[in-house]
Amino acid sequence: MNHNLSISGILFVFFCYAVLGQVPNDSALFIQLKKSDSLLFEQGFNQCNIPLIEKLITDDFEFYHDKKGIQNRNEFLTGFKESICSNTDKKPIRKLVQGSLNVFRLKNNGATYGPIQKGMHLFYIKESNKKPYITNIAQFSSVWILQNGEWKLSRVLSYDHLEPNKYFKASLPR
């Protein structure tokens, strides 16, 4: 009985953290981070606005990818230019899965210095004269840091990349 009670207690604390630790979707922090995510991906990734990406990431930026390894700022920008922006015939496009975005405040002595932003995104390929088609579904977790009054992307984990058919198979009840 005590064993079950302690497991229930741990699960309750975890549930409260997961639900109550998130900032509300209508909070200024959530809205700002959703806007920053949109700038990074809609303009930076999807439109290949390299100067914008350079402005949005920190000098010590680190990117962790479950298929491509670890990249620092320079490696990330070089890879981005070569793989995302060089192929105009098959242009990768990223879309945030609606409703998947969560933001968790990071504080130091009560003052917010950054948030963790996590969610799910879909990747498509856009070919000339064709409808975009989905190629990958993945999870992401990002750490944003407030530097001189601006949100800068510091660390990114991009993981659990699955092809759509594998994802939907894995999501089905067994």
N, C-alpha and C. Protein backbone atom coordinates (compact mmCIF):
# COMPACT_ATOMS: atom_id res chain seq x y z
N MET A 1 0.82 -1.19 0.00
CA MET A 1 0.00 0.00 0.00
C MET A 1 0.87 1.26 0.00
N ASN A 2 1.89 1.31 0.87
CA ASN A 2 2.77 2.48 0.91
C ASN A 2 3.51 2.66 -0.41
N HIS A 3 3.89 1.53 -1.04
CA HIS A 3 4.59 1.60 -2.33
C HIS A 3 3.70 2.26 -3.37
N ASN A 4 2.44 1.86 -3.43
CA ASN A 4 1.50 2.46 -4.38
C ASN A 4 1.26 3.93 -4.08
N LEU A 5 1.19 4.26 -2.81
CA LEU A 5 0.99 5.64 -2.41
C LEU A 5 2.17 6.51 -2.84
N SER A 6 3.39 6.01 -2.67
CA SER A 6 4.55 6.81 -3.04
C SER A 6 4.64 6.96 -4.56
N ILE A 7 4.31 5.96 -5.32
CA ILE A 7 4.30 6.07 -6.77
C ILE A 7 3.23 7.07 -7.20
N SER A 8 2.05 6.98 -6.57
CA SER A 8 0.97 7.93 -6.88
C SER A 8 1.41 9.35 -6.56
N GLY A 9 2.11 9.54 -5.46
CA GLY A 9 2.60 10.87 -5.09
C GLY A 9 3.58 11.41 -6.10
N ILE A 10 4.49 10.57 -6.52
CA ILE A 10 5.48 10.99 -7.53
C ILE A 10 4.79 11.36 -8.83
N LEU A 11 3.84 10.54 -9.25
CA LEU A 11 3.11 10.82 -10.48
C LEU A 11 2.32 12.13 -10.37
N PHE A 12 1.75 12.37 -9.18
CA PHE A 12 1.00 13.61 -8.98
C PHE A 12 1.92 14.82 -9.09
N VAL A 13 3.08 14.76 -8.47
CA VAL A 13 4.03 15.87 -8.53
C VAL A 13 4.48 16.09 -9.98
N PHE A 14 4.78 15.00 -10.69
CA PHE A 14 5.18 15.12 -12.09
C PHE A 14 4.07 15.75 -12.91
N PHE A 15 2.82 15.31 -12.70
CA PHE A 15 1.68 15.86 -13.42
C PHE A 15 1.54 17.36 -13.14
N CYS A 16 1.65 17.74 -11.88
CA CYS A 16 1.54 19.15 -11.53
C CYS A 16 2.64 19.97 -12.19
N TYR A 17 3.86 19.45 -12.19
CA TYR A 17 4.96 20.15 -12.83
C TYR A 17 4.70 20.30 -14.33
N ALA A 18 4.28 19.19 -14.96
CA ALA A 18 4.06 19.21 -16.40
C ALA A 18 2.95 20.17 -16.78
N VAL A 19 1.90 20.23 -15.98
CA VAL A 19 0.77 21.10 -16.30
C VAL A 19 0.96 22.50 -15.76
N LEU A 20 1.34 22.61 -14.50
CA LEU A 20 1.44 23.91 -13.86
C LEU A 20 2.76 24.62 -14.16
N GLY A 21 3.78 23.88 -14.56
CA GLY A 21 5.08 24.49 -14.85
C GLY A 21 5.09 25.24 -16.18
N GLN A 22 4.16 24.93 -17.04
CA GLN A 22 4.08 25.61 -18.32
C GLN A 22 3.52 27.02 -18.12
N VAL A 23 4.01 27.94 -18.91
CA VAL A 23 3.40 29.27 -18.86
C VAL A 23 2.12 29.22 -19.68
N PRO A 24 1.12 30.00 -19.31
CA PRO A 24 -0.15 29.99 -20.06
C PRO A 24 0.06 30.43 -21.52
N ASN A 25 -0.74 29.85 -22.41
CA ASN A 25 -0.62 30.15 -23.84
C ASN A 25 -0.94 31.61 -24.18
N ASP A 26 -1.61 32.31 -23.28
CA ASP A 26 -1.93 33.71 -23.53
C ASP A 26 -0.98 34.67 -22.80
N SER A 27 0.08 34.11 -22.18
CA SER A 27 1.03 34.97 -21.46
C SER A 27 1.96 35.68 -22.46
N ALA A 28 2.51 36.80 -22.02
CA ALA A 28 3.43 37.57 -22.87
C ALA A 28 4.64 36.72 -23.27
N LEU A 29 5.16 35.90 -22.34
CA LEU A 29 6.33 35.07 -22.65
C LEU A 29 5.99 34.04 -23.73
N PHE A 30 4.87 33.35 -23.59
CA PHE A 30 4.47 32.35 -24.58
C PHE A 30 4.30 33.01 -25.95
N ILE A 31 3.59 34.12 -25.99
CA ILE A 31 3.34 34.81 -27.25
C ILE A 31 4.64 35.27 -27.90
N GLN A 32 5.57 35.82 -27.09
CA GLN A 32 6.85 36.27 -27.63
C GLN A 32 7.66 35.09 -28.19
N LEU A 33 7.67 33.97 -27.47
CA LEU A 33 8.43 32.81 -27.92
C LEU A 33 7.81 32.16 -29.15
N LYS A 34 6.50 32.17 -29.22
CA LYS A 34 5.84 31.65 -30.42
C LYS A 34 6.19 32.53 -31.62
N LYS A 35 6.24 33.84 -31.40
CA LYS A 35 6.63 34.78 -32.45
C LYS A 35 8.09 34.54 -32.87
N SER A 36 8.97 34.34 -31.89
CA SER A 36 10.38 34.08 -32.19
C SER A 36 10.54 32.78 -32.97
N ASP A 37 9.80 31.74 -32.57
CA ASP A 37 9.82 30.46 -33.29
C ASP A 37 9.36 30.67 -34.73
N SER A 38 8.30 31.45 -34.90
CA SER A 38 7.77 31.72 -36.23
C SER A 38 8.78 32.47 -37.10
N LEU A 39 9.43 33.48 -36.52
CA LEU A 39 10.47 34.21 -37.26
C LEU A 39 11.58 33.27 -37.69
N LEU A 40 12.05 32.46 -36.74
CA LEU A 40 13.15 31.54 -37.02
C LEU A 40 12.80 30.60 -38.16
N PHE A 41 11.61 30.04 -38.12
CA PHE A 41 11.28 29.02 -39.11
C PHE A 41 10.56 29.55 -40.34
N GLU A 42 9.57 30.42 -40.18
CA GLU A 42 8.85 30.90 -41.36
C GLU A 42 9.75 31.76 -42.24
N GLN A 43 10.49 32.67 -41.62
CA GLN A 43 11.37 33.54 -42.41
C GLN A 43 12.77 32.96 -42.57
N GLY A 44 13.33 32.45 -41.46
CA GLY A 44 14.69 31.92 -41.52
C GLY A 44 14.79 30.62 -42.29
N PHE A 45 14.14 29.58 -41.79
CA PHE A 45 14.21 28.25 -42.39
C PHE A 45 13.49 28.19 -43.73
N ASN A 46 12.21 28.55 -43.73
CA ASN A 46 11.39 28.38 -44.94
C ASN A 46 11.74 29.35 -46.06
N GLN A 47 12.18 30.57 -45.70
CA GLN A 47 12.52 31.58 -46.71
C GLN A 47 14.02 31.77 -46.87
N CYS A 48 14.81 31.03 -46.10
CA CYS A 48 16.28 31.11 -46.15
C CYS A 48 16.81 32.51 -45.88
N ASN A 49 16.28 33.15 -44.86
CA ASN A 49 16.75 34.46 -44.45
C ASN A 49 17.91 34.24 -43.47
N ILE A 50 19.09 34.05 -44.02
CA ILE A 50 20.29 33.73 -43.23
C ILE A 50 20.64 34.86 -42.26
N PRO A 51 20.62 36.13 -42.67
CA PRO A 51 20.94 37.20 -41.71
C PRO A 51 20.01 37.19 -40.49
N LEU A 52 18.74 36.85 -40.69
CA LEU A 52 17.81 36.77 -39.56
C LEU A 52 18.21 35.64 -38.62
N ILE A 53 18.55 34.49 -39.17
CA ILE A 53 18.97 33.36 -38.32
C ILE A 53 20.23 33.72 -37.55
N GLU A 54 21.18 34.35 -38.22
CA GLU A 54 22.41 34.78 -37.55
C GLU A 54 22.11 35.71 -36.39
N LYS A 55 21.12 36.58 -36.55
CA LYS A 55 20.74 37.53 -35.51
C LYS A 55 20.02 36.83 -34.35
N LEU A 56 19.26 35.77 -34.64
CA LEU A 56 18.44 35.11 -33.62
C LEU A 56 19.19 34.09 -32.77
N ILE A 57 20.39 33.66 -33.18
CA ILE A 57 21.10 32.65 -32.40
C ILE A 57 22.31 33.26 -31.69
N THR A 58 22.62 32.67 -30.53
CA THR A 58 23.73 33.17 -29.72
C THR A 58 25.08 32.82 -30.36
N ASP A 59 26.11 33.51 -29.92
CA ASP A 59 27.46 33.23 -30.42
C ASP A 59 27.92 31.83 -30.02
N ASP A 60 27.43 31.33 -28.88
CA ASP A 60 27.82 29.98 -28.42
C ASP A 60 26.73 28.94 -28.70
N PHE A 61 25.91 29.20 -29.70
CA PHE A 61 24.80 28.33 -30.08
C PHE A 61 25.25 26.89 -30.28
N GLU A 62 24.41 25.95 -29.81
CA GLU A 62 24.66 24.51 -30.02
C GLU A 62 23.37 23.85 -30.49
N PHE A 63 23.51 22.97 -31.48
CA PHE A 63 22.38 22.27 -32.08
C PHE A 63 22.65 20.77 -31.97
N TYR A 64 21.73 20.06 -31.35
CA TYR A 64 21.84 18.61 -31.15
C TYR A 64 20.76 17.93 -31.98
N HIS A 65 21.18 17.11 -32.93
CA HIS A 65 20.25 16.45 -33.85
C HIS A 65 20.44 14.95 -33.75
N ASP A 66 19.33 14.23 -33.67
CA ASP A 66 19.43 12.78 -33.48
C ASP A 66 19.93 12.04 -34.72
N LYS A 67 20.01 12.69 -35.86
CA LYS A 67 20.50 12.04 -37.08
C LYS A 67 21.81 12.65 -37.59
N LYS A 68 22.05 13.92 -37.25
CA LYS A 68 23.20 14.63 -37.82
C LYS A 68 24.24 15.04 -36.79
N GLY A 69 24.03 14.69 -35.53
CA GLY A 69 25.02 14.97 -34.50
C GLY A 69 24.95 16.37 -33.92
N ILE A 70 26.06 16.78 -33.31
CA ILE A 70 26.16 18.08 -32.63
C ILE A 70 26.82 19.08 -33.56
N GLN A 71 26.27 20.31 -33.56
CA GLN A 71 26.84 21.37 -34.38
C GLN A 71 26.94 22.64 -33.54
N ASN A 72 28.05 23.36 -33.72
CA ASN A 72 28.16 24.68 -33.11
C ASN A 72 27.56 25.71 -34.07
N ARG A 73 27.63 26.96 -33.73
CA ARG A 73 27.02 28.02 -34.54
C ARG A 73 27.51 27.98 -35.99
N ASN A 74 28.82 27.96 -36.17
CA ASN A 74 29.39 27.99 -37.51
C ASN A 74 29.00 26.75 -38.32
N GLU A 75 29.09 25.58 -37.71
CA GLU A 75 28.71 24.34 -38.39
C GLU A 75 27.23 24.34 -38.75
N PHE A 76 26.41 24.83 -37.83
CA PHE A 76 24.96 24.90 -38.07
C PHE A 76 24.65 25.82 -39.25
N LEU A 77 25.23 27.02 -39.26
CA LEU A 77 24.96 27.97 -40.34
C LEU A 77 25.47 27.46 -41.69
N THR A 78 26.66 26.86 -41.69
CA THR A 78 27.20 26.29 -42.93
C THR A 78 26.30 25.16 -43.44
N GLY A 79 25.95 24.24 -42.55
CA GLY A 79 25.07 23.14 -42.93
C GLY A 79 23.71 23.63 -43.39
N PHE A 80 23.20 24.64 -42.73
CA PHE A 80 21.90 25.21 -43.09
C PHE A 80 21.95 25.78 -44.51
N LYS A 81 22.98 26.55 -44.79
CA LYS A 81 23.12 27.15 -46.13
C LYS A 81 23.25 26.06 -47.19
N GLU A 82 24.03 25.02 -46.89
CA GLU A 82 24.30 23.97 -47.88
C GLU A 82 23.14 22.99 -48.06
N SER A 83 22.45 22.63 -46.97
CA SER A 83 21.42 21.60 -47.11
C SER A 83 20.00 22.15 -47.22
N ILE A 84 19.70 23.22 -46.54
CA ILE A 84 18.33 23.74 -46.52
C ILE A 84 18.12 24.76 -47.65
N CYS A 85 19.11 25.59 -47.90
CA CYS A 85 18.91 26.71 -48.81
C CYS A 85 19.52 26.53 -50.19
N SER A 86 20.32 25.53 -50.41
CA SER A 86 20.99 25.40 -51.71
C SER A 86 20.14 24.65 -52.74
N ASN A 87 19.20 23.84 -52.30
CA ASN A 87 18.41 23.04 -53.23
C ASN A 87 17.05 23.69 -53.45
N THR A 88 16.94 24.52 -54.47
CA THR A 88 15.68 25.19 -54.74
C THR A 88 14.68 24.28 -55.44
N ASP A 89 15.14 23.17 -56.02
CA ASP A 89 14.23 22.22 -56.68
C ASP A 89 13.44 21.40 -55.66
N LYS A 90 14.04 21.13 -54.51
CA LYS A 90 13.39 20.37 -53.44
C LYS A 90 13.63 21.10 -52.12
N LYS A 91 12.88 22.17 -51.91
CA LYS A 91 13.09 23.04 -50.76
C LYS A 91 12.40 22.48 -49.51
N PRO A 92 13.18 22.21 -48.45
CA PRO A 92 12.57 21.80 -47.18
C PRO A 92 11.77 22.95 -46.55
N ILE A 93 10.64 22.61 -45.98
CA ILE A 93 9.76 23.56 -45.31
C ILE A 93 9.42 22.98 -43.93
N ARG A 94 9.40 23.81 -42.91
CA ARG A 94 9.06 23.37 -41.55
C ARG A 94 7.77 24.03 -41.11
N LYS A 95 6.89 23.24 -40.49
CA LYS A 95 5.64 23.75 -39.93
C LYS A 95 5.51 23.24 -38.50
N LEU A 96 5.14 24.14 -37.61
CA LEU A 96 4.87 23.80 -36.22
C LEU A 96 3.54 23.06 -36.16
N VAL A 97 3.46 21.97 -35.41
CA VAL A 97 2.19 21.28 -35.20
C VAL A 97 1.36 22.15 -34.27
N GLN A 98 0.20 22.59 -34.75
CA GLN A 98 -0.67 23.45 -33.96
C GLN A 98 -1.00 22.80 -32.63
N GLY A 99 -0.92 23.57 -31.57
CA GLY A 99 -1.27 23.09 -30.24
C GLY A 99 -0.17 22.30 -29.54
N SER A 100 0.96 22.08 -30.19
CA SER A 100 2.02 21.27 -29.58
C SER A 100 3.03 22.11 -28.79
N LEU A 101 3.01 23.41 -28.94
CA LEU A 101 4.03 24.26 -28.33
C LEU A 101 3.78 24.46 -26.84
N ASN A 102 4.82 24.24 -26.05
CA ASN A 102 4.81 24.48 -24.61
C ASN A 102 6.03 25.33 -24.26
N VAL A 103 5.85 26.20 -23.27
CA VAL A 103 6.94 27.07 -22.83
C VAL A 103 7.06 26.94 -21.31
N PHE A 104 8.29 26.78 -20.83
CA PHE A 104 8.59 26.65 -19.41
C PHE A 104 9.61 27.72 -19.04
N ARG A 105 9.24 28.54 -18.09
CA ARG A 105 10.08 29.68 -17.67
C ARG A 105 11.33 29.17 -16.92
N LEU A 106 12.47 29.81 -17.19
CA LEU A 106 13.71 29.57 -16.47
C LEU A 106 14.03 30.83 -15.67
N LYS A 107 14.26 30.67 -14.37
CA LYS A 107 14.50 31.83 -13.50
C LYS A 107 15.83 31.68 -12.75
N ASN A 108 16.36 32.81 -12.37
CA ASN A 108 17.52 32.88 -11.50
C ASN A 108 17.19 33.94 -10.46
N ASN A 109 17.09 33.51 -9.18
CA ASN A 109 16.70 34.42 -8.09
C ASN A 109 15.40 35.16 -8.40
N GLY A 110 14.45 34.45 -8.99
CA GLY A 110 13.14 35.01 -9.26
C GLY A 110 13.01 35.76 -10.57
N ALA A 111 14.12 36.05 -11.25
CA ALA A 111 14.08 36.80 -12.51
C ALA A 111 14.18 35.85 -13.69
N THR A 112 13.33 36.03 -14.66
CA THR A 112 13.35 35.20 -15.87
C THR A 112 14.59 35.53 -16.68
N TYR A 113 15.37 34.51 -17.00
CA TYR A 113 16.51 34.69 -17.88
C TYR A 113 16.32 33.96 -19.19
N GLY A 114 15.32 33.09 -19.25
CA GLY A 114 15.05 32.37 -20.48
C GLY A 114 13.93 31.38 -20.30
N PRO A 115 13.49 30.79 -21.39
CA PRO A 115 12.52 29.71 -21.33
C PRO A 115 13.01 28.48 -22.11
N ILE A 116 12.41 27.36 -21.77
CA ILE A 116 12.53 26.17 -22.59
C ILE A 116 11.26 26.13 -23.42
N GLN A 117 11.43 25.94 -24.68
CA GLN A 117 10.29 25.86 -25.60
C GLN A 117 10.34 24.47 -26.22
N LYS A 118 9.21 23.75 -26.15
CA LYS A 118 9.21 22.43 -26.76
C LYS A 118 7.94 22.23 -27.55
N GLY A 119 8.04 21.36 -28.51
CA GLY A 119 6.89 21.09 -29.35
C GLY A 119 7.21 20.03 -30.39
N MET A 120 6.36 19.99 -31.36
CA MET A 120 6.48 19.01 -32.44
C MET A 120 6.42 19.76 -33.76
N HIS A 121 7.24 19.33 -34.72
CA HIS A 121 7.17 19.97 -36.02
C HIS A 121 7.15 18.96 -37.15
N LEU A 122 6.62 19.41 -38.26
CA LEU A 122 6.52 18.61 -39.48
C LEU A 122 7.45 19.22 -40.52
N PHE A 123 8.09 18.36 -41.29
CA PHE A 123 8.95 18.83 -42.37
C PHE A 123 8.37 18.34 -43.70
N TYR A 124 8.37 19.25 -44.64
CA TYR A 124 7.83 18.98 -45.97
C TYR A 124 8.91 19.24 -47.00
N ILE A 125 8.69 18.75 -48.20
CA ILE A 125 9.50 19.12 -49.35
C ILE A 125 8.57 19.81 -50.33
N LYS A 126 9.01 20.98 -50.80
CA LYS A 126 8.27 21.73 -51.81
C LYS A 126 9.05 21.66 -53.11
N GLU A 127 8.43 21.01 -54.10
CA GLU A 127 9.02 20.93 -55.44
C GLU A 127 8.23 21.84 -56.37
N SER A 128 8.89 22.30 -57.42
CA SER A 128 8.22 23.15 -58.40
C SER A 128 7.01 22.43 -58.98
N ASN A 129 5.92 23.16 -59.08
CA ASN A 129 4.67 22.67 -59.68
C ASN A 129 4.08 21.46 -58.99
N LYS A 130 4.40 21.24 -57.71
CA LYS A 130 3.83 20.14 -56.93
C LYS A 130 3.37 20.66 -55.59
N LYS A 131 2.41 19.95 -55.02
CA LYS A 131 1.99 20.24 -53.66
C LYS A 131 3.08 19.79 -52.70
N PRO A 132 3.36 20.55 -51.63
CA PRO A 132 4.35 20.08 -50.64
C PRO A 132 3.92 18.73 -50.06
N TYR A 133 4.91 17.87 -49.80
CA TYR A 133 4.62 16.57 -49.20
C TYR A 133 5.47 16.39 -47.95
N ILE A 134 4.86 15.76 -46.96
CA ILE A 134 5.51 15.58 -45.66
C ILE A 134 6.60 14.51 -45.75
N THR A 135 7.73 14.81 -45.09
CA THR A 135 8.85 13.86 -45.09
C THR A 135 9.22 13.39 -43.69
N ASN A 136 9.00 14.23 -42.68
CA ASN A 136 9.43 13.91 -41.32
C ASN A 136 8.52 14.56 -40.29
N ILE A 137 8.43 13.89 -39.16
CA ILE A 137 7.79 14.42 -37.96
C ILE A 137 8.85 14.33 -36.87
N ALA A 138 8.99 15.38 -36.06
CA ALA A 138 10.03 15.36 -35.03
C ALA A 138 9.62 16.20 -33.83
N GLN A 139 10.30 15.95 -32.73
CA GLN A 139 10.16 16.72 -31.50
C GLN A 139 11.29 17.74 -31.45
N PHE A 140 11.07 18.83 -30.75
CA PHE A 140 12.16 19.78 -30.52
C PHE A 140 12.04 20.37 -29.12
N SER A 141 13.17 20.72 -28.57
CA SER A 141 13.27 21.46 -27.31
C SER A 141 14.32 22.54 -27.53
N SER A 142 13.96 23.76 -27.23
CA SER A 142 14.86 24.89 -27.47
C SER A 142 15.00 25.71 -26.19
N VAL A 143 16.20 26.20 -25.95
CA VAL A 143 16.45 27.11 -24.84
C VAL A 143 16.75 28.47 -25.43
N TRP A 144 15.94 29.43 -25.03
CA TRP A 144 16.11 30.82 -25.43
C TRP A 144 16.69 31.59 -24.24
N ILE A 145 17.55 32.53 -24.52
CA ILE A 145 18.21 33.33 -23.49
C ILE A 145 17.93 34.80 -23.77
N LEU A 146 17.64 35.54 -22.73
CA LEU A 146 17.44 36.98 -22.87
C LEU A 146 18.81 37.67 -22.83
N GLN A 147 19.21 38.27 -23.96
CA GLN A 147 20.48 38.97 -24.05
C GLN A 147 20.22 40.40 -24.52
N ASN A 148 20.56 41.36 -23.69
CA ASN A 148 20.39 42.78 -24.03
C ASN A 148 18.96 43.08 -24.49
N GLY A 149 17.99 42.49 -23.79
CA GLY A 149 16.59 42.76 -24.09
C GLY A 149 16.02 42.00 -25.27
N GLU A 150 16.80 41.11 -25.88
CA GLU A 150 16.33 40.34 -27.04
C GLU A 150 16.43 38.85 -26.75
N TRP A 151 15.45 38.09 -27.24
CA TRP A 151 15.49 36.63 -27.10
C TRP A 151 16.41 36.06 -28.16
N LYS A 152 17.38 35.27 -27.70
CA LYS A 152 18.34 34.60 -28.59
C LYS A 152 18.25 33.10 -28.36
N LEU A 153 18.28 32.36 -29.42
CA LEU A 153 18.25 30.90 -29.35
C LEU A 153 19.64 30.40 -28.99
N SER A 154 19.72 29.66 -27.89
CA SER A 154 21.01 29.22 -27.36
C SER A 154 21.29 27.74 -27.62
N ARG A 155 20.31 26.89 -27.34
CA ARG A 155 20.48 25.44 -27.49
C ARG A 155 19.22 24.87 -28.13
N VAL A 156 19.42 23.89 -29.02
CA VAL A 156 18.28 23.21 -29.66
C VAL A 156 18.54 21.72 -29.66
N LEU A 157 17.53 20.98 -29.25
CA LEU A 157 17.51 19.53 -29.40
C LEU A 157 16.44 19.21 -30.43
N SER A 158 16.81 18.53 -31.49
CA SER A 158 15.86 18.11 -32.51
C SER A 158 15.97 16.60 -32.57
N TYR A 159 14.88 15.90 -32.21
CA TYR A 159 14.97 14.47 -31.97
C TYR A 159 13.68 13.74 -32.32
N ASP A 160 13.76 12.43 -32.29
CA ASP A 160 12.63 11.56 -32.56
C ASP A 160 12.10 11.78 -33.97
N HIS A 161 13.02 11.99 -34.92
CA HIS A 161 12.62 12.15 -36.32
C HIS A 161 12.08 10.82 -36.85
N LEU A 162 10.89 10.87 -37.36
CA LEU A 162 10.26 9.69 -37.93
C LEU A 162 9.64 10.05 -39.28
N GLU A 163 9.64 9.07 -40.17
CA GLU A 163 8.88 9.24 -41.40
C GLU A 163 7.41 9.16 -41.03
N PRO A 164 6.54 9.85 -41.75
CA PRO A 164 5.12 9.88 -41.36
C PRO A 164 4.49 8.51 -41.18
N ASN A 165 4.77 7.57 -42.08
CA ASN A 165 4.15 6.25 -41.94
C ASN A 165 4.65 5.53 -40.69
N LYS A 166 5.89 5.71 -40.30
CA LYS A 166 6.42 5.10 -39.07
C LYS A 166 5.83 5.77 -37.84
N TYR A 167 5.65 7.09 -37.92
CA TYR A 167 5.08 7.83 -36.80
C TYR A 167 3.65 7.37 -36.54
N PHE A 168 2.86 7.30 -37.59
CA PHE A 168 1.46 6.94 -37.40
C PHE A 168 1.31 5.49 -36.95
N LYS A 169 2.21 4.61 -37.41
CA LYS A 169 2.20 3.23 -36.92
C LYS A 169 2.54 3.20 -35.42
N ALA A 170 3.55 3.98 -35.03
CA ALA A 170 3.98 4.01 -33.62
C ALA A 170 2.91 4.63 -32.72
N SER A 171 2.06 5.49 -33.27
CA SER A 171 1.05 6.18 -32.49
C SER A 171 -0.23 5.35 -32.31
N LEU A 172 -0.38 4.32 -33.09
CA LEU A 172 -1.60 3.51 -33.00
C LEU A 172 -1.61 2.70 -31.71
N PRO A 173 -2.78 2.57 -31.10
CA PRO A 173 -2.86 1.73 -29.89
C PRO A 173 -2.54 0.27 -30.24
N ARG A 174 -1.90 -0.39 -29.31
CA ARG A 174 -1.52 -1.80 -29.58
C ARG A 174 -2.50 -2.74 -28.95
